[in-house]
Amino acid sequence: MWLGAELKIIENVPVFLCDSCETQAFQPDVESAIRTLVATGFPDRLAVRELVVPVFDLHAFLSTKTTSEVAE
């Protein structure tokens, strides 16, 4: 989930998935825990690990490549 400009990931969230409509639902205690985590602003001390995510700029990429190079 996005919190301002930062992406926050919560792992190991138990969820019920409806077989017919694929709606997701949480147990009340799970939903409460998620709301509490969001309300506290995801304190850094509670993070179990961090992920590095590469970010690409399509305009910069296209300006450095010819059309034939992009197709390869």
C-alpha atoms as a PDB file:
ATOM      1  CA  MET A   1       0.000   0.000   0.000  1.00  0.00           C
ATOM      2  CA  TRP A   2       1.123   3.548  -0.620  1.00  0.00           C
ATOM      3  CA  LEU A   3       1.658   5.846   2.351  1.00  0.00           C
ATOM      4  CA  GLY A   4       2.312   9.221   0.808  1.00  0.00           C
ATOM      5  CA  ALA A   5       5.141   8.729  -1.675  1.00  0.00           C
ATOM      6  CA  GLU A   6       6.372   5.530  -0.021  1.00  0.00           C
ATOM      7  CA  LEU A   7       5.321   1.993  -0.869  1.00  0.00           C
ATOM      8  CA  LYS A   8       4.794  -0.175   2.202  1.00  0.00           C
ATOM      9  CA  ILE A   9       4.499  -3.963   1.962  1.00  0.00           C
ATOM     10  CA  ILE A  10       2.860  -6.152   4.585  1.00  0.00           C
ATOM     11  CA  GLU A  11       3.714  -9.845   4.318  1.00  0.00           C
ATOM     12  CA  ASN A  12       1.939 -12.900   5.681  1.00  0.00           C
ATOM     13  CA  VAL A  13      -1.532 -11.391   5.770  1.00  0.00           C
ATOM     14  CA  PRO A  14      -4.154 -14.123   6.070  1.00  0.00           C
ATOM     15  CA  VAL A  15      -7.039 -13.469   3.703  1.00  0.00           C
ATOM     16  CA  PHE A  16     -10.208 -15.274   2.731  1.00  0.00           C
ATOM     17  CA  LEU A  17     -10.842 -15.396  -1.010  1.00  0.00           C
ATOM     18  CA  CYS A  18     -14.343 -16.090  -2.321  1.00  0.00           C
ATOM     19  CA  ASP A  19     -14.209 -18.963  -4.820  1.00  0.00           C
ATOM     20  CA  SER A  20     -16.951 -17.529  -7.022  1.00  0.00           C
ATOM     21  CA  CYS A  21     -16.332 -13.749  -7.063  1.00  0.00           C
ATOM     22  CA  GLU A  22     -12.710 -13.576  -5.815  1.00  0.00           C
ATOM     23  CA  THR A  23     -13.585 -10.946  -3.210  1.00  0.00           C
ATOM     24  CA  GLN A  24     -10.954 -10.708  -0.473  1.00  0.00           C
ATOM     25  CA  ALA A  25     -11.939 -10.497   3.196  1.00  0.00           C
ATOM     26  CA  PHE A  26      -9.946 -10.272   6.422  1.00  0.00           C
ATOM     27  CA  GLN A  27     -10.706 -11.545   9.905  1.00  0.00           C
ATOM     28  CA  PRO A  28     -11.592  -8.582  12.172  1.00  0.00           C
ATOM     29  CA  ASP A  29      -8.352  -8.927  14.192  1.00  0.00           C
ATOM     30  CA  VAL A  30      -6.261  -8.931  10.999  1.00  0.00           C
ATOM     31  CA  GLU A  31      -8.041  -5.847   9.669  1.00  0.00           C
ATOM     32  CA  SER A  32      -7.576  -4.125  13.020  1.00  0.00           C
ATOM     33  CA  ALA A  33      -3.841  -4.914  13.026  1.00  0.00           C
ATOM     34  CA  ILE A  34      -3.448  -3.508   9.496  1.00  0.00           C
ATOM     35  CA  ARG A  35      -5.348  -0.334  10.426  1.00  0.00           C
ATOM     36  CA  THR A  36      -3.146   0.093  13.506  1.00  0.00           C
ATOM     37  CA  LEU A  37       0.023  -0.356  11.458  1.00  0.00           C
ATOM     38  CA  VAL A  38      -1.194   2.254   8.966  1.00  0.00           C
ATOM     39  CA  ALA A  39      -2.225   4.651  11.752  1.00  0.00           C
ATOM     40  CA  THR A  40       1.230   4.441  13.342  1.00  0.00           C
ATOM     41  CA  GLY A  41       2.848   5.322  10.010  1.00  0.00           C
ATOM     42  CA  PHE A  42       4.705   2.035   9.592  1.00  0.00           C
ATOM     43  CA  PRO A  43       7.505   2.647  12.139  1.00  0.00           C
ATOM     44  CA  ASP A  44      10.921   1.734  10.712  1.00  0.00           C
ATOM     45  CA  ARG A  45      11.744  -0.284  13.844  1.00  0.00           C
ATOM     46  CA  LEU A  46       8.990  -2.756  12.923  1.00  0.00           C
ATOM     47  CA  ALA A  47      10.268  -3.454   9.404  1.00  0.00           C
ATOM     48  CA  VAL A  48      11.620  -6.987   9.037  1.00  0.00           C
ATOM     49  CA  ARG A  49      13.497  -6.240   5.799  1.00  0.00           C
ATOM     50  CA  GLU A  50      13.715  -3.810   2.913  1.00  0.00           C
ATOM     51  CA  LEU A  51      13.422  -4.337  -0.824  1.00  0.00           C
ATOM     52  CA  VAL A  52      15.320  -2.444  -3.479  1.00  0.00           C
ATOM     53  CA  VAL A  53      13.093  -1.731  -6.464  1.00  0.00           C
ATOM     54  CA  PRO A  54      14.579  -0.564  -9.759  1.00  0.00           C
ATOM     55  CA  VAL A  55      12.822   2.441 -11.301  1.00  0.00           C
ATOM     56  CA  PHE A  56      12.930   3.007 -15.040  1.00  0.00           C
ATOM     57  CA  ASP A  57      12.296   6.198 -16.994  1.00  0.00           C
ATOM     58  CA  LEU A  58      10.771   5.304 -20.342  1.00  0.00           C
ATOM     59  CA  HIS A  59      11.532   8.695 -21.867  1.00  0.00           C
ATOM     60  CA  ALA A  60      15.217   8.440 -20.913  1.00  0.00           C
ATOM     61  CA  PHE A  61      15.351   4.875 -22.224  1.00  0.00           C
ATOM     62  CA  LEU A  62      13.780   5.746 -25.568  1.00  0.00           C
ATOM     63  CA  SER A  63      15.998   8.779 -26.051  1.00  0.00           C
ATOM     64  CA  THR A  64      19.117   6.593 -25.818  1.00  0.00           C
ATOM     65  CA  LYS A  65      17.925   3.813 -28.149  1.00  0.00           C
ATOM     66  CA  THR A  66      16.998   3.585 -31.794  1.00  0.00           C
ATOM     67  CA  THR A  67      13.759   1.866 -32.763  1.00  0.00           C
ATOM     68  CA  SER A  68      15.589  -1.265 -33.957  1.00  0.00           C
ATOM     69  CA  GLU A  69      17.521  -1.518 -30.666  1.00  0.00           C
ATOM     70  CA  VAL A  70      14.308  -1.281 -28.629  1.00  0.00           C
ATOM     71  CA  ALA A  71      12.696  -4.109 -30.680  1.00  0.00           C
ATOM     72  CA  GLU A  72      15.568  -6.494 -29.865  1.00  0.00           C
END
